[in-house]
Amino acid sequence: IIQEYIYRNLSLSRRRYLHNRIGMAMEELYKNRPRYYNTIAMHFYNAENYSLAAKYYMMTADIIVKSNPLEAADYYEKALQIYRERGLGETYQYMRILMNLIDLYLEMGEAKRAEKAIAEAGRFIGSDSLGRDFSLRLNHRLGELYLLKNDLKKARGVMERLLQNREILSYPEEASRLFRNIGYVYWRLGLLEKAVEMYSLSLSRAKEDKQVRYVMKLYLDMGNIMSYKGEMSRARGYYLSGLRVITEHGNRFDEIRVHNNIADTYLREGRIEEALEESAKAVDLSRKYGFKVIWPYVTHLEALARAGEVSSFEEHLRVISKEIEDFDAESSPDVKYCRAVLFKTLAEREEDKEKEKELLEEAVALLKEADAAYRERGFNYERAVALAFLGEVLLEMGRDAEAKEFLQQAKEIFQKYNNDFMVKKVESLLKEETPITE
């Protein structure tokens, strides 16, 4: 209390002087102890020594960005705000902070904030103080924004144009990142051979330049390829190999990816309890580290649906709507698919035949809506999964001819993905006939 009283009665100039002296003393004493950088930054800010304040906020963010991305974003934003308000005139440093924030926003699933930051950065294209790589990197981030928004067509267009500009290949990390992103687009579109080619190029560049972060991510990407091919055990092997590297380097985002993707393999194999456990881990980690990406929530929603946990399903859906920006449960094809799964699970347990029929009819309507939405967005694999499940429900209802039409469509898509696991599953359904009952 006495200290506060004395401090409040000091003149502003005296306060600034003291904060500056404390900041300089701490800078000397703790220059190799990063946990004090935030405090040093605060003292320099209060001393109106804005250049050093921004420097130490940036250093704090750089150190914790992998282990605590949400807090790192706060420190980058503090540094950026100093540059905005105080006009320090260091365009290069300003843009370095802004690009770091764009990367964080994209990884955290913050589409609106990423879009705003990309637009802000776009005003500096052509600045003499920035390197020639700046516009290439910014265009690349625009493509990644389209990926975040699930606009695969726009993302593909931006990234393939970048690939044609051979200049980007002279920036090793950016080249690895671009190959990987294009590989991801091809994977989502079902162009697996092209996806593997891009992932291989990315892995080669990453190993050559000792980019451990990208090597780790590519383990997970290859796991996805194995999963799409229906080789669930091999997929989990890749995911767990990636997790070992992730544990060593503390990348929280990819830790979430591992648990989510392992949950998805268990779902495909019908191992619901294990899927629930892994998907719950992915959701908990997303909340803990502040990532606002939709996929772990949707995977857990499907696991709850397959478990037939109605109240938990509805509660989790409310959580998604509250926590994920721009999420519309009414129009989401993923939610329509998950709700259809829930209705079929409940129908299997229903003893009243009329109620069972109503639940299956609801499932069919939802799956047809999901199919249309997936087709419009170019989500071919997700569409095949919905079509296969639609055929399965229709078979159960005795609508064999209609069921086989959808199952054949699903089979053709799965064949393009070389997914023998799902092809065989669909083929077994195509052989089924509804038994004739008296």
Protein backbone atom coordinates (compact mmCIF):
# COMPACT_ATOMS: atom_id res chain seq x y z
CA ILE A 1 0.00 0.00 0.00
CA ILE A 2 2.83 2.40 0.89
CA GLN A 3 4.64 1.57 -2.36
CA GLU A 4 1.46 2.22 -4.38
CA TYR A 5 0.94 5.55 -2.61
CA ILE A 6 4.50 6.66 -3.30
CA TYR A 7 4.28 5.51 -6.94
CA ARG A 8 1.00 7.38 -7.57
CA ASN A 9 2.50 10.58 -6.23
CA LEU A 10 5.53 10.48 -8.50
CA SER A 11 5.55 12.77 -11.53
CA LEU A 12 5.12 11.10 -14.93
CA SER A 13 8.70 11.90 -15.91
CA ARG A 14 9.97 10.34 -12.66
CA ARG A 15 7.87 7.23 -13.26
CA ARG A 16 9.23 6.89 -16.79
CA TYR A 17 12.78 7.30 -15.50
CA LEU A 18 12.34 4.58 -12.86
CA HIS A 19 10.70 2.13 -15.27
CA ASN A 20 13.52 2.67 -17.74
CA ARG A 21 16.18 2.06 -15.05
CA ILE A 22 14.40 -1.10 -13.89
CA GLY A 23 14.05 -2.32 -17.48
CA MET A 24 17.75 -1.71 -18.18
CA ALA A 25 18.80 -3.43 -14.93
CA MET A 26 16.61 -6.46 -15.66
CA GLU A 27 17.86 -6.55 -19.25
CA GLU A 28 21.42 -6.88 -17.93
CA LEU A 29 20.59 -9.35 -15.16
CA TYR A 30 18.17 -11.58 -17.07
CA LYS A 31 19.31 -11.35 -20.70
CA ASN A 32 19.57 -15.16 -20.85
CA ARG A 33 16.42 -15.87 -18.85
CA PRO A 34 13.43 -15.62 -21.24
CA ARG A 35 10.76 -15.89 -18.55
CA TYR A 36 11.58 -12.29 -17.55
CA TYR A 37 11.29 -10.82 -21.08
CA ASN A 38 7.60 -10.01 -20.67
CA THR A 39 8.32 -8.04 -17.46
CA ILE A 40 11.22 -6.23 -19.14
CA ALA A 41 8.89 -5.30 -22.01
CA MET A 42 6.29 -3.95 -19.58
CA HIS A 43 8.86 -1.70 -17.85
CA PHE A 44 10.18 -0.34 -21.15
CA TYR A 45 6.60 0.31 -22.31
CA ASN A 46 5.83 2.30 -19.16
CA ALA A 47 9.10 4.17 -19.67
CA GLU A 48 7.87 5.05 -23.19
CA ASN A 49 10.93 3.28 -24.55
CA TYR A 50 8.69 1.74 -27.20
CA SER A 51 11.32 0.24 -29.47
CA LEU A 52 12.73 -1.94 -26.66
CA ALA A 53 9.24 -2.76 -25.37
CA ALA A 54 8.24 -4.08 -28.82
CA LYS A 55 11.51 -6.01 -29.07
CA TYR A 56 10.96 -7.86 -25.78
CA TYR A 57 7.27 -8.59 -26.48
CA MET A 58 8.37 -10.13 -29.79
CA MET A 59 11.12 -12.16 -28.11
CA THR A 60 8.63 -13.45 -25.53
CA ALA A 61 6.24 -14.53 -28.30
CA ASP A 62 9.00 -16.17 -30.36
CA ILE A 63 10.02 -18.33 -27.40
CA ILE A 64 6.55 -19.59 -26.40
CA VAL A 65 4.91 -19.77 -29.83
CA LYS A 66 5.02 -23.59 -30.05
CA SER A 67 4.15 -24.40 -26.44
CA ASN A 68 1.53 -21.69 -25.89
CA PRO A 69 0.33 -20.21 -29.21
CA LEU A 70 -2.62 -18.36 -27.69
CA GLU A 71 -0.39 -16.41 -25.28
CA ALA A 72 2.21 -15.88 -28.02
CA ALA A 73 -0.47 -14.25 -30.18
CA ASP A 74 -1.21 -11.81 -27.33
CA TYR A 75 2.44 -10.74 -27.14
CA TYR A 76 2.76 -10.36 -30.92
CA GLU A 77 -0.39 -8.23 -30.86
CA LYS A 78 1.07 -6.02 -28.10
CA ALA A 79 4.23 -5.50 -30.16
CA LEU A 80 2.20 -4.81 -33.30
CA GLN A 81 0.01 -2.30 -31.47
CA ILE A 82 3.14 -0.40 -30.38
CA TYR A 83 4.24 -0.14 -34.01
CA ARG A 84 0.77 0.97 -35.10
CA GLU A 85 0.35 3.61 -32.39
CA ARG A 86 3.90 4.89 -32.12
CA GLY A 87 4.94 4.86 -35.78
CA LEU A 88 8.41 3.52 -35.14
CA GLY A 89 9.10 3.53 -38.86
CA GLU A 90 10.58 0.01 -38.99
CA THR A 91 8.52 -1.54 -41.78
CA TYR A 92 10.51 -4.78 -41.85
CA GLN A 93 10.01 -5.47 -38.13
CA TYR A 94 6.35 -4.46 -38.35
CA MET A 95 5.82 -6.93 -41.18
CA ARG A 96 7.73 -9.69 -39.40
CA ILE A 97 5.31 -9.43 -36.48
CA LEU A 98 2.31 -9.27 -38.78
CA MET A 99 3.40 -12.35 -40.77
CA ASN A 100 4.01 -14.27 -37.52
CA LEU A 101 0.51 -13.34 -36.41
CA ILE A 102 -0.98 -14.44 -39.74
CA ASP A 103 0.73 -17.83 -39.33
CA LEU A 104 -0.62 -18.15 -35.80
CA TYR A 105 -4.16 -17.10 -36.73
CA LEU A 106 -4.20 -19.64 -39.58
CA GLU A 107 -2.96 -22.44 -37.35
CA MET A 108 -5.41 -21.54 -34.58
CA GLY A 109 -8.36 -21.51 -37.00
CA GLU A 110 -8.97 -17.75 -36.54
CA ALA A 111 -10.17 -17.11 -40.12
CA LYS A 112 -11.53 -13.59 -39.57
CA ARG A 113 -8.42 -12.35 -37.79
CA ALA A 114 -6.17 -13.98 -40.40
CA GLU A 115 -8.14 -12.36 -43.24
CA LYS A 116 -7.92 -8.94 -41.59
CA ALA A 117 -4.15 -9.29 -41.00
CA ILE A 118 -3.57 -10.45 -44.60
CA ALA A 119 -5.45 -7.38 -45.86
CA GLU A 120 -3.35 -5.14 -43.60
CA ALA A 121 -0.12 -6.75 -44.84
CA GLY A 122 -1.26 -6.35 -48.44
CA ARG A 123 -0.93 -2.58 -48.15
CA PHE A 124 2.86 -2.97 -47.87
CA ILE A 125 3.42 -4.96 -51.07
CA GLY A 126 6.08 -3.19 -53.11
CA SER A 127 7.77 -1.53 -50.13
CA ASP A 128 11.49 -1.05 -50.77
CA SER A 129 12.40 -2.16 -47.22
CA LEU A 130 10.86 -5.62 -47.67
CA GLY A 131 12.46 -8.60 -49.35
CA ARG A 132 11.30 -9.91 -52.73
CA ASP A 133 9.81 -12.95 -51.01
CA PHE A 134 7.19 -10.91 -49.18
CA SER A 135 4.46 -10.90 -51.85
CA LEU A 136 5.07 -14.63 -52.50
CA ARG A 137 4.67 -15.46 -48.82
CA LEU A 138 1.57 -13.30 -48.48
CA ASN A 139 -0.08 -14.94 -51.51
CA HIS A 140 0.77 -18.31 -50.02
CA ARG A 141 -0.98 -17.32 -46.76
CA LEU A 142 -4.01 -16.26 -48.79
CA GLY A 143 -4.12 -19.76 -50.23
CA GLU A 144 -3.88 -21.17 -46.71
CA LEU A 145 -6.79 -18.94 -45.66
CA TYR A 146 -8.87 -20.53 -48.44
CA LEU A 147 -7.84 -23.93 -47.07
CA LEU A 148 -8.99 -22.91 -43.60
CA LYS A 149 -12.32 -21.87 -45.10
CA ASN A 150 -12.53 -25.23 -46.93
CA ASP A 151 -12.57 -23.50 -50.32
CA LEU A 152 -10.42 -26.10 -52.09
CA LYS A 153 -10.89 -24.67 -55.58
CA LYS A 154 -9.58 -21.21 -54.67
CA ALA A 155 -6.78 -22.68 -52.56
CA ARG A 156 -5.68 -24.90 -55.45
CA GLY A 157 -5.73 -21.98 -57.89
CA VAL A 158 -3.57 -19.74 -55.67
CA MET A 159 -1.06 -22.45 -54.83
CA GLU A 160 -0.63 -23.88 -58.31
CA ARG A 161 0.06 -20.37 -59.60
CA LEU A 162 2.69 -19.96 -56.88
CA LEU A 163 4.28 -23.26 -57.87
CA GLN A 164 4.64 -21.99 -61.44
CA ASN A 165 6.66 -19.06 -60.05
CA ARG A 166 9.98 -20.86 -59.65
CA GLU A 167 11.28 -18.04 -57.45
CA ILE A 168 9.50 -19.48 -54.42
CA LEU A 169 11.74 -22.58 -54.62
CA SER A 170 14.69 -20.44 -53.54
CA TYR A 171 13.10 -20.04 -50.08
CA PRO A 172 13.50 -23.52 -48.51
CA GLU A 173 10.89 -23.41 -45.74
CA GLU A 174 8.34 -21.69 -47.95
CA ALA A 175 8.90 -24.28 -50.69
CA SER A 176 8.42 -27.20 -48.25
CA ARG A 177 5.29 -25.55 -46.94
CA LEU A 178 3.89 -24.98 -50.44
CA PHE A 179 4.52 -28.57 -51.58
CA ARG A 180 2.82 -29.82 -48.43
CA ASN A 181 -0.19 -27.53 -48.84
CA ILE A 182 -0.70 -28.51 -52.48
CA GLY A 183 -0.38 -32.14 -51.41
CA TYR A 184 -3.13 -31.55 -48.87
CA VAL A 185 -5.42 -30.04 -51.54
CA TYR A 186 -4.81 -32.99 -53.87
CA TRP A 187 -5.44 -35.42 -51.01
CA ARG A 188 -8.79 -33.78 -50.20
CA LEU A 189 -9.75 -33.88 -53.89
CA GLY A 190 -8.89 -37.58 -54.17
CA LEU A 191 -5.82 -37.08 -56.37
CA LEU A 192 -3.70 -39.40 -54.23
CA GLU A 193 -0.82 -39.99 -56.64
CA LYS A 194 -0.33 -36.25 -57.07
CA ALA A 195 -0.69 -35.78 -53.29
CA VAL A 196 2.04 -38.35 -52.56
CA GLU A 197 4.28 -36.68 -55.18
CA MET A 198 3.90 -33.29 -53.47
CA TYR A 199 4.35 -34.73 -49.97
CA SER A 200 7.53 -36.51 -51.15
CA LEU A 201 8.91 -33.25 -52.56
CA SER A 202 8.06 -31.49 -49.30
CA LEU A 203 9.68 -34.22 -47.21
CA SER A 204 12.81 -34.18 -49.36
CA ARG A 205 13.20 -30.40 -48.99
CA ALA A 206 12.42 -30.51 -45.28
CA LYS A 207 15.03 -33.19 -44.58
CA GLU A 208 17.60 -31.45 -46.76
CA ASP A 209 17.15 -28.20 -44.85
CA LYS A 210 16.73 -29.94 -41.44
CA GLN A 211 13.19 -28.57 -40.99
CA VAL A 212 12.11 -30.90 -38.18
CA ARG A 213 8.69 -29.23 -37.94
CA TYR A 214 7.78 -30.14 -41.52
CA VAL A 215 9.19 -33.66 -41.29
CA MET A 216 6.89 -34.17 -38.30
CA LYS A 217 3.85 -32.78 -40.13
CA LEU A 218 4.54 -34.99 -43.14
CA TYR A 219 4.42 -38.11 -40.97
CA LEU A 220 0.85 -37.09 -40.17
CA ASP A 221 0.08 -36.33 -43.82
CA MET A 222 1.28 -39.79 -44.88
CA GLY A 223 -0.90 -41.21 -42.13
CA ASN A 224 -3.85 -39.46 -43.76
CA ILE A 225 -2.99 -41.04 -47.11
CA MET A 226 -2.92 -44.50 -45.48
CA SER A 227 -6.23 -43.75 -43.76
CA TYR A 228 -7.87 -42.75 -47.05
CA LYS A 229 -6.57 -45.97 -48.58
CA GLY A 230 -8.22 -47.86 -45.73
CA GLU A 231 -4.96 -49.02 -44.11
CA MET A 232 -5.91 -47.95 -40.60
CA SER A 233 -3.14 -49.75 -38.71
CA ARG A 234 -0.44 -48.26 -40.98
CA ALA A 235 -2.09 -44.84 -40.60
CA ARG A 236 -1.89 -45.06 -36.80
CA GLY A 237 1.76 -46.08 -37.14
CA TYR A 238 2.53 -42.85 -39.01
CA TYR A 239 0.49 -40.78 -36.53
CA LEU A 240 2.30 -42.26 -33.53
CA SER A 241 5.70 -41.76 -35.20
CA GLY A 242 4.75 -38.11 -35.67
CA LEU A 243 3.58 -37.87 -32.05
CA ARG A 244 7.02 -38.91 -30.79
CA VAL A 245 8.63 -36.01 -32.66
CA ILE A 246 5.80 -33.66 -31.60
CA THR A 247 6.38 -34.56 -27.94
CA GLU A 248 10.05 -33.64 -28.30
CA HIS A 249 9.35 -30.29 -29.97
CA GLY A 250 6.10 -29.28 -28.24
CA ASN A 251 3.95 -28.46 -31.28
CA ARG A 252 0.46 -28.27 -29.78
CA PHE A 253 -1.50 -28.01 -33.04
CA ASP A 254 -0.10 -31.25 -34.43
CA GLU A 255 -0.63 -32.97 -31.09
CA ILE A 256 -4.34 -32.26 -31.60
CA ARG A 257 -4.15 -33.57 -35.18
CA VAL A 258 -2.68 -36.87 -34.00
CA HIS A 259 -5.41 -37.60 -31.45
CA ASN A 260 -8.14 -36.49 -33.87
CA ASN A 261 -6.84 -38.62 -36.73
CA ILE A 262 -6.34 -41.69 -34.55
CA ALA A 263 -9.95 -41.27 -33.39
CA ASP A 264 -11.06 -41.18 -37.03
CA THR A 265 -9.32 -44.50 -37.80
CA TYR A 266 -11.08 -46.08 -34.82
CA LEU A 267 -14.43 -44.75 -36.08
CA ARG A 268 -13.86 -46.32 -39.49
CA GLU A 269 -13.13 -49.66 -37.77
CA GLY A 270 -16.18 -49.42 -35.50
CA ARG A 271 -14.07 -49.17 -32.31
CA ILE A 272 -16.33 -46.55 -30.73
CA GLU A 273 -14.99 -46.46 -27.16
CA GLU A 274 -11.44 -45.88 -28.39
CA ALA A 275 -12.70 -43.24 -30.83
CA LEU A 276 -14.52 -41.44 -28.03
CA GLU A 277 -11.39 -41.43 -25.86
CA GLU A 278 -9.07 -40.09 -28.59
CA SER A 279 -11.53 -37.50 -29.95
CA ALA A 280 -12.21 -36.21 -26.41
CA LYS A 281 -8.44 -35.69 -25.99
CA ALA A 282 -8.34 -33.71 -29.25
CA VAL A 283 -11.24 -31.47 -28.16
CA ASP A 284 -9.76 -30.90 -24.68
CA LEU A 285 -6.38 -29.92 -26.17
CA SER A 286 -8.08 -27.55 -28.66
CA ARG A 287 -9.80 -25.75 -25.81
CA LYS A 288 -6.71 -25.75 -23.63
CA TYR A 289 -4.47 -24.17 -26.26
CA GLY A 290 -7.09 -21.90 -27.85
CA PHE A 291 -7.33 -23.48 -31.32
CA LYS A 292 -10.66 -22.71 -32.99
CA VAL A 293 -10.60 -25.43 -35.65
CA ILE A 294 -13.73 -27.44 -36.35
CA TRP A 295 -12.47 -30.94 -37.14
CA PRO A 296 -11.76 -32.31 -33.61
CA TYR A 297 -15.22 -31.21 -32.52
CA VAL A 298 -16.86 -32.92 -35.51
CA THR A 299 -14.92 -36.16 -35.00
CA HIS A 300 -16.08 -36.26 -31.38
CA LEU A 301 -19.64 -35.48 -32.51
CA GLU A 302 -19.60 -38.52 -34.80
CA ALA A 303 -18.19 -40.71 -32.01
CA LEU A 304 -21.03 -39.59 -29.71
CA ALA A 305 -23.53 -40.29 -32.50
CA ARG A 306 -22.22 -43.82 -33.04
CA ALA A 307 -22.38 -44.38 -29.29
CA GLY A 308 -26.02 -43.19 -29.34
CA GLU A 309 -25.41 -40.67 -26.56
CA VAL A 310 -28.23 -38.25 -27.40
CA SER A 311 -27.88 -35.72 -24.57
CA SER A 312 -24.08 -35.59 -24.92
CA PHE A 313 -24.46 -35.17 -28.69
CA GLU A 314 -26.80 -32.18 -28.33
CA GLU A 315 -24.68 -30.61 -25.59
CA HIS A 316 -21.52 -31.00 -27.67
CA LEU A 317 -23.28 -29.43 -30.65
CA ARG A 318 -24.14 -26.41 -28.48
CA VAL A 319 -20.49 -26.20 -27.43
CA ILE A 320 -19.36 -26.18 -31.09
CA SER A 321 -21.78 -23.40 -31.98
CA LYS A 322 -20.54 -21.35 -29.03
CA GLU A 323 -16.79 -21.88 -29.45
CA ILE A 324 -16.21 -22.01 -33.23
CA GLU A 325 -16.69 -18.73 -35.09
CA ASP A 326 -18.87 -18.73 -38.23
CA PHE A 327 -20.08 -22.26 -37.45
CA ASP A 328 -23.65 -22.84 -38.60
CA ALA A 329 -25.01 -26.13 -37.30
CA GLU A 330 -28.08 -25.85 -39.54
CA SER A 331 -26.12 -25.77 -42.81
CA SER A 332 -23.05 -27.86 -41.89
CA PRO A 333 -22.93 -31.10 -43.93
CA ASP A 334 -20.76 -32.64 -41.20
CA VAL A 335 -23.49 -32.06 -38.62
CA LYS A 336 -26.15 -33.43 -40.98
CA TYR A 337 -24.05 -36.56 -41.46
CA CYS A 338 -23.43 -36.97 -37.72
CA ARG A 339 -27.09 -36.47 -36.89
CA ALA A 340 -28.01 -39.11 -39.48
CA VAL A 341 -25.54 -41.49 -37.78
CA LEU A 342 -27.23 -40.76 -34.44
CA PHE A 343 -30.71 -41.44 -35.86
CA LYS A 344 -29.59 -44.78 -37.33
CA THR A 345 -27.98 -45.78 -34.02
CA LEU A 346 -31.22 -44.92 -32.19
CA ALA A 347 -33.29 -46.76 -34.82
CA GLU A 348 -31.29 -49.93 -34.20
CA ARG A 349 -32.32 -49.77 -30.54
CA GLU A 350 -35.95 -48.83 -31.17
CA GLU A 351 -38.54 -51.57 -30.59
CA ASP A 352 -41.47 -49.57 -32.00
CA LYS A 353 -41.34 -50.24 -35.77
CA GLU A 354 -43.12 -47.01 -36.67
CA LYS A 355 -40.66 -44.91 -34.64
CA GLU A 356 -37.76 -46.88 -36.16
CA LYS A 357 -39.02 -46.07 -39.66
CA GLU A 358 -39.37 -42.36 -38.80
CA LEU A 359 -35.78 -42.22 -37.51
CA LEU A 360 -34.45 -43.89 -40.66
CA GLU A 361 -36.45 -41.53 -42.90
CA GLU A 362 -34.92 -38.57 -41.04
CA ALA A 363 -31.46 -40.09 -41.55
CA VAL A 364 -32.05 -40.50 -45.30
CA ALA A 365 -33.20 -36.87 -45.69
CA LEU A 366 -30.15 -35.58 -43.79
CA LEU A 367 -27.72 -37.73 -45.76
CA LYS A 368 -29.11 -36.52 -49.09
CA GLU A 369 -28.65 -32.91 -47.91
CA ALA A 370 -25.12 -33.68 -46.75
CA ASP A 371 -24.32 -35.33 -50.10
CA ALA A 372 -25.46 -32.24 -52.02
CA ALA A 373 -23.39 -29.92 -49.80
CA TYR A 374 -20.25 -32.07 -50.03
CA ARG A 375 -20.61 -32.30 -53.82
CA GLU A 376 -20.96 -28.52 -54.12
CA ARG A 377 -17.83 -27.93 -51.98
CA GLY A 378 -15.74 -30.56 -53.77
CA PHE A 379 -15.32 -32.73 -50.64
CA ASN A 380 -15.23 -36.00 -52.55
CA TYR A 381 -14.10 -38.37 -49.82
CA GLU A 382 -16.60 -37.03 -47.27
CA ARG A 383 -19.26 -37.36 -49.98
CA ALA A 384 -18.35 -41.02 -50.56
CA VAL A 385 -18.64 -41.75 -46.82
CA ALA A 386 -22.09 -40.11 -46.74
CA LEU A 387 -23.23 -41.98 -49.87
CA ALA A 388 -22.08 -45.34 -48.48
CA PHE A 389 -23.92 -44.71 -45.24
CA LEU A 390 -27.01 -43.57 -47.16
CA GLY A 391 -26.98 -46.84 -49.10
CA GLU A 392 -26.64 -48.78 -45.85
CA VAL A 393 -29.67 -47.01 -44.33
CA LEU A 394 -31.78 -47.49 -47.47
CA LEU A 395 -30.95 -51.23 -47.52
CA GLU A 396 -32.18 -51.47 -43.96
CA MET A 397 -35.44 -49.83 -45.06
CA GLY A 398 -35.91 -52.31 -47.91
CA ARG A 399 -35.28 -49.74 -50.66
CA ASP A 400 -32.69 -51.94 -52.40
CA ALA A 401 -32.64 -50.41 -55.89
CA GLU A 402 -32.21 -46.87 -54.56
CA ALA A 403 -29.59 -48.06 -52.05
CA LYS A 404 -27.47 -49.73 -54.73
CA GLU A 405 -27.49 -46.60 -56.87
CA PHE A 406 -25.89 -44.61 -54.05
CA LEU A 407 -23.56 -47.45 -53.06
CA GLN A 408 -22.26 -47.69 -56.62
CA GLN A 409 -21.48 -43.95 -56.61
CA ALA A 410 -19.64 -44.35 -53.29
CA LYS A 411 -17.67 -47.33 -54.61
CA GLU A 412 -16.47 -45.38 -57.66
CA ILE A 413 -15.19 -42.52 -55.48
CA PHE A 414 -13.45 -44.87 -53.03
CA GLN A 415 -11.78 -46.64 -55.97
CA LYS A 416 -10.28 -43.29 -57.05
CA TYR A 417 -8.76 -43.05 -53.56
CA ASN A 418 -7.47 -46.65 -53.79
CA ASN A 419 -9.35 -47.23 -50.53
CA ASP A 420 -9.65 -51.04 -50.59
CA PHE A 421 -11.04 -51.04 -47.04
CA MET A 422 -14.09 -48.97 -47.99
CA VAL A 423 -14.44 -50.54 -51.47
CA LYS A 424 -14.76 -53.99 -49.88
CA LYS A 425 -17.23 -52.66 -47.31
CA VAL A 426 -19.40 -51.13 -50.04
CA GLU A 427 -19.15 -54.26 -52.21
CA SER A 428 -20.41 -56.37 -49.32
CA LEU A 429 -23.40 -54.02 -49.00
CA LEU A 430 -24.04 -54.19 -52.76
CA LYS A 431 -24.40 -57.97 -52.44
CA GLU A 432 -27.00 -57.61 -49.68
CA GLU A 433 -30.70 -58.00 -50.36
CA THR A 434 -33.51 -57.10 -47.99
CA PRO A 435 -35.06 -60.38 -46.83
CA ILE A 436 -38.68 -60.90 -47.91
CA THR A 437 -40.96 -61.13 -44.87
CA GLU A 438 -44.51 -62.43 -44.74
